[in-house]
Structure formats: C-alpha cells, structure tokens
C-alpha cells in the first residue's frame, strides 16, 4: 500500500514517508505548487536544493508574475528551465550573483544564501521590520557567517527557520 495514495496521489512524493520530519512541509509545498520534484517520479528530499530551484520556488510563491526584464546573469541562458524565475528574483532584489556576472544556478544553495534569499523575499512580500536583534551569539561558528548574510541569519534564527545543529549554524 502506497502511504500517500489516499491523501496525495501525486507520484513525486512516493519517496517521502509520513515518518519523515519534513513530511507535512513537503506535502504542503507540493500541493501549493511551490516545489514540484526533480522529475515526474522523484521529489528527491535528500538532495541539495540548487540556487535555481530556490529562485523557482520563490517565483511560484509570488504567483509567477510576468517577467519583462533582460536576463540578469551571464550563466543563465534564456532557455534555461528557470531563467524567468531567476531574472524575476534578480529584478526584485531577492537574489544576487557573483562578482563575475554569474549566478551559478546549478550550485547547491548554502544555508546562509537560503536565509538571505528568504529574508529578501519576505521584504519583497511587504515585511517592513528589519531585524536588528542579535540571535547568533549562542552559535559557535557565528563568525563563519558572511557579512551580507548576518541580518538574514539573525532573522531566520529569530523566526525559527534555521535552528542550527549541535550548537553550530553551519552557514
């Protein structure tokens, strides 16, 4: 018996078990169309999320608005599967690239990059309160957080989005 057949017949979630700590989140994101899985068969819950995939998820959460801006990065061709999402995210200040003009869409998103992109998306969605509180003091590796990501990491920890592991943030 397939564990999701009654509640969620969509194929990609057959790799997600009701015992997984992220089960409810995965089902929610899939049902809302925010995350689709890596293909028609696989949700791939154990794989890293790429920078492009995160941009695509945030773009879908924003309602996939029309994109008229020119491509923002040299390494995201117009026919790349999530080019519109990346261009939208850059145009709205949600993502930034690297000094070389690239975005590296296939690179795994680092935890501090995730925090920064979520923080900027929250601002885009209308969150006006910028967090100035200091939430990183308890973490042994707080000095490893890049300067650009410190406000976002403070926000993500304060909101319970990132909790760290064994006293470290692992940015």
N, C-alpha and C. Protein backbone atom coordinates (compact mmCIF):
# COMPACT_ATOMS: atom_id res chain seq x y z
N UNK A 1 0.85 -1.20 0.00
CA UNK A 1 0.00 0.00 0.00
C UNK A 1 0.87 1.25 0.00
N UNK A 2 0.59 2.14 -0.88
CA UNK A 2 1.32 3.39 -1.03
C UNK A 2 0.91 4.34 0.10
N UNK A 3 1.85 4.89 0.86
CA UNK A 3 1.47 5.69 2.04
C UNK A 3 0.71 6.97 1.71
N UNK A 4 0.82 7.46 0.47
CA UNK A 4 0.17 8.73 0.16
C UNK A 4 -1.05 8.57 -0.72
N UNK A 5 -1.40 7.34 -1.09
CA UNK A 5 -2.43 7.17 -2.10
C UNK A 5 -3.75 7.81 -1.70
N UNK A 6 -4.10 7.75 -0.44
CA UNK A 6 -5.38 8.31 -0.03
C UNK A 6 -5.34 9.83 -0.04
N UNK A 7 -4.28 10.39 0.51
CA UNK A 7 -4.25 11.82 0.72
C UNK A 7 -3.61 12.56 -0.44
N UNK A 8 -2.59 11.96 -1.04
CA UNK A 8 -1.83 12.68 -2.04
C UNK A 8 -1.37 11.74 -3.13
N UNK A 9 -2.14 11.62 -4.20
CA UNK A 9 -1.82 10.65 -5.23
C UNK A 9 -0.64 11.05 -6.13
N UNK A 10 -0.13 12.28 -6.01
CA UNK A 10 0.93 12.71 -6.91
C UNK A 10 2.18 11.85 -6.77
N UNK A 11 2.69 11.42 -7.90
CA UNK A 11 3.81 10.48 -7.95
C UNK A 11 5.09 10.94 -7.26
N UNK A 12 5.54 12.20 -7.41
CA UNK A 12 6.85 12.53 -6.86
C UNK A 12 7.01 12.32 -5.37
N UNK A 13 5.91 12.30 -4.63
CA UNK A 13 6.04 12.18 -3.18
C UNK A 13 6.17 10.74 -2.71
N UNK A 14 6.30 9.78 -3.63
CA UNK A 14 6.43 8.41 -3.15
C UNK A 14 7.77 8.15 -2.47
N UNK A 15 8.72 9.07 -2.58
CA UNK A 15 9.98 8.94 -1.84
C UNK A 15 9.93 9.63 -0.48
N UNK A 16 8.79 10.21 -0.14
CA UNK A 16 8.63 10.91 1.13
C UNK A 16 7.71 10.07 2.00
N UNK A 17 8.19 9.76 3.21
CA UNK A 17 7.42 8.92 4.12
C UNK A 17 6.71 9.77 5.17
N UNK A 18 5.58 9.30 5.64
CA UNK A 18 4.88 10.02 6.70
C UNK A 18 5.71 10.09 7.97
N UNK A 19 6.74 9.25 8.08
CA UNK A 19 7.63 9.27 9.24
C UNK A 19 8.72 10.34 9.12
N UNK A 20 8.91 10.90 7.92
CA UNK A 20 9.95 11.92 7.73
C UNK A 20 9.58 13.18 8.50
N UNK A 21 10.58 13.81 9.14
CA UNK A 21 10.32 15.01 9.94
C UNK A 21 9.76 16.14 9.08
N UNK A 22 10.02 16.12 7.78
CA UNK A 22 9.59 17.19 6.89
C UNK A 22 8.34 16.83 6.09
N UNK A 23 7.69 15.70 6.44
CA UNK A 23 6.57 15.20 5.63
C UNK A 23 5.50 16.26 5.38
N UNK A 24 4.99 16.88 6.44
CA UNK A 24 3.90 17.84 6.28
C UNK A 24 4.34 19.02 5.43
N UNK A 25 5.59 19.46 5.59
CA UNK A 25 6.11 20.57 4.81
C UNK A 25 6.21 20.19 3.34
N UNK A 26 6.71 19.00 3.05
CA UNK A 26 6.85 18.55 1.67
C UNK A 26 5.49 18.47 0.98
N UNK A 27 4.51 17.89 1.67
CA UNK A 27 3.17 17.77 1.10
C UNK A 27 2.59 19.16 0.84
N UNK A 28 2.76 20.06 1.80
CA UNK A 28 2.23 21.43 1.65
C UNK A 28 2.86 22.11 0.43
N UNK A 29 4.19 22.06 0.33
CA UNK A 29 4.87 22.73 -0.77
C UNK A 29 4.50 22.12 -2.11
N UNK A 30 4.31 20.80 -2.13
CA UNK A 30 3.93 20.15 -3.38
C UNK A 30 2.50 20.50 -3.76
N UNK A 31 1.59 20.44 -2.79
CA UNK A 31 0.19 20.74 -3.08
C UNK A 31 -0.02 22.19 -3.51
N UNK A 32 0.80 23.11 -2.97
CA UNK A 32 0.69 24.53 -3.33
C UNK A 32 1.41 24.83 -4.64
N UNK A 33 2.12 23.84 -5.20
CA UNK A 33 2.84 24.06 -6.45
C UNK A 33 4.15 24.81 -6.28
N UNK A 34 4.63 24.94 -5.04
CA UNK A 34 5.88 25.66 -4.79
C UNK A 34 7.08 24.80 -5.18
N UNK A 35 7.04 23.52 -4.81
CA UNK A 35 8.10 22.59 -5.19
C UNK A 35 7.45 21.44 -5.94
N UNK A 36 8.09 21.04 -7.03
CA UNK A 36 7.47 20.05 -7.90
C UNK A 36 8.16 18.71 -7.93
N UNK A 37 9.35 18.63 -7.42
CA UNK A 37 10.11 17.39 -7.59
C UNK A 37 11.08 17.54 -8.75
N UNK A 38 12.05 16.65 -8.82
CA UNK A 38 13.09 16.77 -9.83
C UNK A 38 12.64 16.25 -11.17
N UNK A 39 11.62 15.42 -11.20
CA UNK A 39 11.00 14.95 -12.44
C UNK A 39 9.64 14.40 -12.05
N UNK A 40 8.97 13.73 -12.96
CA UNK A 40 7.62 13.25 -12.66
C UNK A 40 7.58 12.16 -11.61
N UNK A 41 8.73 11.56 -11.32
CA UNK A 41 8.76 10.41 -10.42
C UNK A 41 9.36 10.70 -9.05
N UNK A 42 10.16 11.75 -8.92
CA UNK A 42 11.01 11.88 -7.74
C UNK A 42 10.92 13.26 -7.11
N UNK A 43 10.64 13.30 -5.82
CA UNK A 43 10.68 14.56 -5.07
C UNK A 43 12.11 14.84 -4.60
N UNK A 44 12.92 13.79 -4.45
CA UNK A 44 14.34 13.90 -4.07
C UNK A 44 14.55 14.67 -2.77
N UNK A 45 13.91 14.24 -1.67
CA UNK A 45 14.01 15.00 -0.43
C UNK A 45 15.42 15.03 0.17
N UNK A 46 16.28 14.09 -0.20
CA UNK A 46 17.62 14.06 0.36
C UNK A 46 18.64 14.86 -0.41
N UNK A 47 18.26 15.38 -1.58
CA UNK A 47 19.21 16.12 -2.39
C UNK A 47 19.27 17.57 -1.99
N UNK A 48 20.41 18.20 -2.28
CA UNK A 48 20.54 19.64 -2.04
C UNK A 48 19.62 20.39 -2.98
N UNK A 49 19.14 21.53 -2.53
CA UNK A 49 18.37 22.43 -3.37
C UNK A 49 19.37 23.33 -4.07
N UNK A 50 19.19 23.54 -5.37
CA UNK A 50 20.10 24.42 -6.09
C UNK A 50 19.62 25.86 -5.98
N UNK A 51 20.51 26.77 -6.33
CA UNK A 51 20.17 28.19 -6.32
C UNK A 51 19.01 28.47 -7.29
N UNK A 52 19.04 27.80 -8.44
CA UNK A 52 17.96 27.97 -9.42
C UNK A 52 16.64 27.42 -8.91
N UNK A 53 16.67 26.25 -8.26
CA UNK A 53 15.44 25.67 -7.72
C UNK A 53 14.81 26.57 -6.66
N UNK A 54 15.64 27.17 -5.81
CA UNK A 54 15.09 28.06 -4.78
C UNK A 54 14.47 29.30 -5.42
N UNK A 55 15.16 29.86 -6.41
CA UNK A 55 14.60 31.02 -7.12
C UNK A 55 13.25 30.64 -7.73
N UNK A 56 13.18 29.44 -8.32
CA UNK A 56 11.93 28.98 -8.95
C UNK A 56 10.82 28.83 -7.91
N UNK A 57 11.15 28.28 -6.74
CA UNK A 57 10.14 28.10 -5.69
C UNK A 57 9.60 29.45 -5.22
N UNK A 58 10.49 30.42 -5.01
CA UNK A 58 10.05 31.74 -4.55
C UNK A 58 9.23 32.43 -5.63
N UNK A 59 9.62 32.25 -6.89
CA UNK A 59 8.87 32.82 -8.02
C UNK A 59 7.45 32.26 -8.05
N UNK A 60 7.32 30.94 -7.84
CA UNK A 60 5.99 30.34 -7.81
C UNK A 60 5.18 30.87 -6.63
N UNK A 61 5.84 31.05 -5.47
CA UNK A 61 5.15 31.58 -4.29
C UNK A 61 4.62 32.99 -4.56
N UNK A 62 5.33 33.74 -5.41
CA UNK A 62 4.92 35.11 -5.74
C UNK A 62 3.83 35.13 -6.80
N UNK A 63 3.44 33.95 -7.28
CA UNK A 63 2.38 33.89 -8.29
C UNK A 63 2.89 33.89 -9.71
N UNK A 64 4.19 33.65 -9.90
CA UNK A 64 4.81 33.59 -11.23
C UNK A 64 4.43 34.81 -12.08
N UNK A 65 4.77 36.01 -11.60
CA UNK A 65 4.43 37.22 -12.35
C UNK A 65 5.16 37.29 -13.69
N UNK A 66 4.62 38.08 -14.61
CA UNK A 66 5.26 38.25 -15.91
C UNK A 66 6.65 38.84 -15.74
N UNK A 67 7.58 38.37 -16.55
CA UNK A 67 8.97 38.84 -16.48
C UNK A 67 9.30 39.53 -17.79
N UNK A 68 9.61 40.81 -17.71
CA UNK A 68 9.96 41.57 -18.92
C UNK A 68 11.41 42.00 -18.92
N UNK A 69 12.07 41.90 -17.76
CA UNK A 69 13.47 42.33 -17.66
C UNK A 69 14.37 41.45 -18.52
N UNK A 70 15.51 42.01 -18.87
CA UNK A 70 16.51 41.24 -19.60
C UNK A 70 17.20 40.28 -18.64
N UNK A 71 17.75 39.21 -19.18
CA UNK A 71 18.48 38.24 -18.36
C UNK A 71 19.52 38.95 -17.50
N UNK A 72 19.57 38.55 -16.25
CA UNK A 72 20.42 39.26 -15.30
C UNK A 72 21.83 38.68 -15.19
N UNK A 73 22.03 37.45 -15.62
CA UNK A 73 23.31 36.79 -15.37
C UNK A 73 23.85 36.13 -16.64
N UNK A 74 25.18 36.13 -16.75
CA UNK A 74 25.84 35.61 -17.94
C UNK A 74 25.72 34.09 -18.06
N UNK A 75 25.51 33.39 -16.95
CA UNK A 75 25.49 31.92 -16.99
C UNK A 75 24.07 31.34 -16.91
N UNK A 76 23.06 32.17 -17.15
CA UNK A 76 21.67 31.69 -17.19
C UNK A 76 21.11 31.99 -18.58
N UNK A 77 21.25 31.05 -19.53
CA UNK A 77 20.73 31.30 -20.87
C UNK A 77 19.21 31.46 -20.87
N UNK A 78 18.70 32.12 -21.87
CA UNK A 78 17.27 32.41 -21.95
C UNK A 78 16.41 31.15 -21.93
N UNK A 79 16.97 30.03 -22.41
CA UNK A 79 16.18 28.79 -22.46
C UNK A 79 16.43 27.89 -21.23
N UNK A 80 17.14 28.41 -20.23
CA UNK A 80 17.36 27.62 -19.00
C UNK A 80 16.01 27.39 -18.34
N UNK A 81 15.80 26.23 -17.74
CA UNK A 81 14.47 25.85 -17.26
C UNK A 81 13.85 26.86 -16.29
N UNK A 82 14.66 27.58 -15.52
CA UNK A 82 14.09 28.54 -14.57
C UNK A 82 14.64 29.95 -14.81
N UNK A 83 14.97 30.25 -16.07
CA UNK A 83 15.54 31.57 -16.39
C UNK A 83 14.61 32.71 -15.99
N UNK A 84 13.32 32.57 -16.26
CA UNK A 84 12.37 33.65 -15.92
C UNK A 84 12.35 33.88 -14.41
N UNK A 85 12.36 32.79 -13.65
CA UNK A 85 12.33 32.91 -12.18
C UNK A 85 13.58 33.63 -11.67
N UNK A 86 14.74 33.28 -12.21
CA UNK A 86 16.00 33.90 -11.77
C UNK A 86 16.02 35.38 -12.14
N UNK A 87 15.57 35.69 -13.36
CA UNK A 87 15.52 37.09 -13.79
C UNK A 87 14.58 37.89 -12.89
N UNK A 88 13.40 37.32 -12.59
CA UNK A 88 12.44 37.97 -11.69
C UNK A 88 13.06 38.19 -10.31
N UNK A 89 13.73 37.16 -9.79
CA UNK A 89 14.30 37.26 -8.45
C UNK A 89 15.41 38.32 -8.40
N UNK A 90 16.19 38.41 -9.46
CA UNK A 90 17.24 39.44 -9.52
C UNK A 90 16.63 40.83 -9.62
N UNK A 91 15.62 40.96 -10.48
CA UNK A 91 14.97 42.25 -10.71
C UNK A 91 14.35 42.79 -9.42
N UNK A 92 13.91 41.88 -8.54
CA UNK A 92 13.25 42.28 -7.30
C UNK A 92 14.17 42.23 -6.07
N UNK A 93 15.47 42.08 -6.31
CA UNK A 93 16.43 42.14 -5.23
C UNK A 93 16.44 40.92 -4.33
N UNK A 94 15.85 39.82 -4.78
CA UNK A 94 15.78 38.62 -3.94
C UNK A 94 17.03 37.77 -4.08
N UNK A 95 17.64 37.79 -5.26
CA UNK A 95 18.90 37.09 -5.46
C UNK A 95 19.93 38.06 -6.00
N UNK A 96 21.17 37.76 -5.70
CA UNK A 96 22.29 38.49 -6.28
C UNK A 96 23.23 37.45 -6.85
N UNK A 97 24.05 37.88 -7.76
CA UNK A 97 25.00 36.95 -8.35
C UNK A 97 26.37 37.11 -7.73
N UNK A 98 27.35 36.67 -8.48
CA UNK A 98 28.73 36.76 -8.04
C UNK A 98 29.40 37.89 -8.82
N UNK A 99 30.56 38.30 -8.36
CA UNK A 99 31.27 39.42 -8.99
C UNK A 99 31.59 39.20 -10.46
N UNK A 100 31.58 37.96 -10.91
CA UNK A 100 31.94 37.67 -12.30
C UNK A 100 30.73 37.76 -13.23
N UNK A 101 29.57 38.18 -12.71
CA UNK A 101 28.38 38.30 -13.54
C UNK A 101 27.55 37.04 -13.61
N UNK A 102 28.00 36.00 -12.92
CA UNK A 102 27.28 34.73 -12.93
C UNK A 102 26.38 34.55 -11.73
N UNK A 103 25.45 33.61 -11.86
CA UNK A 103 24.54 33.26 -10.77
C UNK A 103 24.79 31.86 -10.23
N UNK A 104 25.39 30.99 -11.05
CA UNK A 104 25.65 29.59 -10.69
C UNK A 104 24.36 28.87 -10.28
N UNK A 105 23.38 28.80 -11.18
CA UNK A 105 22.07 28.27 -10.83
C UNK A 105 22.06 26.80 -10.42
N UNK A 106 23.04 26.04 -10.86
CA UNK A 106 23.06 24.61 -10.52
C UNK A 106 23.83 24.32 -9.24
N UNK A 107 24.45 25.34 -8.65
CA UNK A 107 25.17 25.13 -7.38
C UNK A 107 24.16 24.92 -6.25
N UNK A 108 24.53 24.06 -5.31
CA UNK A 108 23.70 23.87 -4.12
C UNK A 108 23.62 25.20 -3.36
N UNK A 109 22.43 25.53 -2.88
CA UNK A 109 22.27 26.77 -2.12
C UNK A 109 22.82 26.53 -0.71
N UNK A 110 23.68 27.43 -0.26
CA UNK A 110 24.23 27.33 1.10
C UNK A 110 23.19 27.83 2.09
N UNK A 111 23.33 27.42 3.35
CA UNK A 111 22.35 27.80 4.36
C UNK A 111 22.25 29.32 4.50
N UNK A 112 23.39 30.02 4.47
CA UNK A 112 23.32 31.48 4.61
C UNK A 112 22.71 32.13 3.36
N UNK A 113 22.92 31.51 2.18
CA UNK A 113 22.28 32.01 0.96
C UNK A 113 20.76 31.81 1.04
N UNK A 114 20.36 30.65 1.56
CA UNK A 114 18.94 30.36 1.75
C UNK A 114 18.32 31.42 2.66
N UNK A 115 18.98 31.69 3.79
CA UNK A 115 18.46 32.69 4.72
C UNK A 115 18.35 34.05 4.04
N UNK A 116 19.37 34.44 3.28
CA UNK A 116 19.37 35.74 2.62
C UNK A 116 18.24 35.83 1.59
N UNK A 117 18.05 34.78 0.81
CA UNK A 117 17.01 34.81 -0.21
C UNK A 117 15.61 34.82 0.41
N UNK A 118 15.42 34.04 1.48
CA UNK A 118 14.12 34.04 2.17
C UNK A 118 13.85 35.40 2.81
N UNK A 119 14.88 35.99 3.41
CA UNK A 119 14.75 37.30 4.05
C UNK A 119 14.37 38.36 3.02
N UNK A 120 15.08 38.36 1.87
CA UNK A 120 14.77 39.34 0.83
C UNK A 120 13.38 39.10 0.25
N UNK A 121 12.97 37.83 0.16
CA UNK A 121 11.62 37.53 -0.33
C UNK A 121 10.58 38.06 0.66
N UNK A 122 10.84 37.92 1.95
CA UNK A 122 9.91 38.44 2.97
C UNK A 122 9.79 39.96 2.84
N UNK A 123 10.91 40.63 2.58
CA UNK A 123 10.88 42.08 2.38
C UNK A 123 10.07 42.40 1.11
N UNK A 124 10.31 41.64 0.05
CA UNK A 124 9.56 41.81 -1.21
C UNK A 124 8.06 41.66 -0.96
N UNK A 125 7.69 40.73 -0.09
CA UNK A 125 6.28 40.46 0.19
C UNK A 125 5.66 41.51 1.12
N UNK A 126 6.48 42.44 1.61
CA UNK A 126 5.93 43.53 2.41
C UNK A 126 6.35 43.55 3.86
N UNK A 127 7.25 42.66 4.28
CA UNK A 127 7.74 42.70 5.65
C UNK A 127 8.61 43.94 5.80
N UNK A 128 8.21 44.86 6.65
CA UNK A 128 8.97 46.11 6.77
C UNK A 128 9.95 46.08 7.93
N UNK A 129 9.68 45.29 8.95
CA UNK A 129 10.56 45.28 10.12
C UNK A 129 11.85 44.54 9.80
N UNK A 130 12.94 45.27 9.76
CA UNK A 130 14.24 44.65 9.53
C UNK A 130 14.78 44.24 10.89
N UNK A 131 15.21 43.00 10.99
CA UNK A 131 15.65 42.50 12.29
C UNK A 131 17.02 43.02 12.65
N UNK A 132 17.11 43.67 13.80
CA UNK A 132 18.40 44.13 14.30
C UNK A 132 18.79 43.33 15.53
N UNK A 133 17.91 42.43 15.95
CA UNK A 133 18.22 41.68 17.15
C UNK A 133 19.38 40.74 16.90
N UNK A 134 20.07 40.39 17.94
CA UNK A 134 21.24 39.52 17.85
C UNK A 134 20.82 38.13 18.29
N UNK A 135 20.70 37.23 17.33
CA UNK A 135 20.30 35.85 17.62
C UNK A 135 21.42 34.85 17.39
N UNK A 136 22.58 35.33 16.93
CA UNK A 136 23.63 34.40 16.54
C UNK A 136 24.64 34.12 17.65
N UNK A 137 24.58 34.89 18.74
CA UNK A 137 25.57 34.74 19.81
C UNK A 137 25.72 33.31 20.33
N UNK A 138 24.64 32.53 20.46
CA UNK A 138 24.82 31.19 21.03
C UNK A 138 25.56 30.21 20.14
N UNK A 139 25.78 30.55 18.86
CA UNK A 139 26.34 29.58 17.93
C UNK A 139 27.85 29.72 17.81
N UNK A 140 28.53 28.59 17.95
CA UNK A 140 30.00 28.58 17.97
C UNK A 140 30.60 29.09 16.68
N UNK A 141 29.93 28.89 15.55
CA UNK A 141 30.50 29.25 14.26
C UNK A 141 29.91 30.53 13.67
N UNK A 142 29.39 31.41 14.54
CA UNK A 142 28.75 32.63 14.05
C UNK A 142 29.69 33.49 13.22
N UNK A 143 31.00 33.42 13.50
CA UNK A 143 31.96 34.21 12.73
C UNK A 143 32.09 33.72 11.29
N UNK A 144 31.59 32.52 11.00
CA UNK A 144 31.66 31.98 9.64
C UNK A 144 30.55 32.52 8.74
N UNK A 145 29.59 33.25 9.31
CA UNK A 145 28.52 33.82 8.51
C UNK A 145 29.07 35.02 7.75
N UNK A 146 28.89 35.03 6.43
CA UNK A 146 29.36 36.15 5.62
C UNK A 146 28.62 37.42 6.04
N UNK A 147 29.31 38.55 5.94
CA UNK A 147 28.74 39.82 6.40
C UNK A 147 27.38 40.11 5.76
N UNK A 148 27.25 39.82 4.45
CA UNK A 148 25.99 40.13 3.77
C UNK A 148 24.82 39.35 4.35
N UNK A 149 25.11 38.18 4.95
CA UNK A 149 24.04 37.29 5.41
C UNK A 149 23.69 37.44 6.88
N UNK A 150 24.45 38.26 7.62
CA UNK A 150 24.22 38.36 9.07
C UNK A 150 22.79 38.82 9.40
N UNK A 151 22.26 39.90 8.80
CA UNK A 151 20.88 40.28 9.14
C UNK A 151 19.88 39.17 8.80
N UNK A 152 20.07 38.53 7.67
CA UNK A 152 19.16 37.46 7.25
C UNK A 152 19.25 36.27 8.18
N UNK A 153 20.46 35.92 8.61
CA UNK A 153 20.62 34.78 9.52
C UNK A 153 20.00 35.12 10.88
N UNK A 154 20.17 36.36 11.36
CA UNK A 154 19.51 36.78 12.60
C UNK A 154 18.00 36.61 12.47
N UNK A 155 17.46 37.04 11.33
CA UNK A 155 16.03 36.93 11.08
C UNK A 155 15.60 35.46 11.02
N UNK A 156 16.34 34.65 10.28
CA UNK A 156 15.96 33.24 10.10
C UNK A 156 16.00 32.48 11.42
N UNK A 157 16.99 32.77 12.26
CA UNK A 157 17.07 32.12 13.57
C UNK A 157 15.94 32.63 14.47
N UNK A 158 15.71 33.93 14.44
CA UNK A 158 14.66 34.53 15.26
C UNK A 158 13.27 34.01 14.90
N UNK A 159 13.07 33.69 13.62
CA UNK A 159 11.78 33.16 13.17
C UNK A 159 11.68 31.64 13.28
N UNK A 160 12.78 31.00 13.70
CA UNK A 160 12.76 29.54 13.81
C UNK A 160 12.92 28.82 12.49
N UNK A 161 13.32 29.54 11.44
CA UNK A 161 13.51 28.92 10.13
C UNK A 161 14.79 28.09 10.13
N UNK A 162 15.84 28.64 10.72
CA UNK A 162 17.10 27.90 10.91
C UNK A 162 17.32 27.74 12.41
N UNK A 163 17.67 26.53 12.81
CA UNK A 163 17.89 26.26 14.23
C UNK A 163 19.30 25.84 14.54
N UNK A 164 20.10 25.58 13.51
CA UNK A 164 21.44 25.11 13.74
C UNK A 164 21.44 23.65 14.13
N UNK A 165 22.64 23.14 14.32
CA UNK A 165 22.79 21.73 14.69
C UNK A 165 23.96 21.61 15.65
N UNK A 166 23.73 21.01 16.80
CA UNK A 166 24.79 20.81 17.79
C UNK A 166 25.52 22.11 18.13
N UNK A 167 24.77 23.20 18.25
CA UNK A 167 25.37 24.48 18.65
C UNK A 167 26.06 25.24 17.53
N UNK A 168 25.91 24.77 16.29
CA UNK A 168 26.53 25.45 15.15
C UNK A 168 25.46 25.82 14.12
N UNK A 169 25.70 26.92 13.43
CA UNK A 169 24.80 27.35 12.37
C UNK A 169 25.06 26.65 11.04
N UNK A 170 26.32 26.24 10.82
CA UNK A 170 26.73 25.61 9.56
C UNK A 170 26.32 26.46 8.36
N UNK A 171 26.74 27.74 8.35
CA UNK A 171 26.26 28.66 7.30
C UNK A 171 26.65 28.24 5.89
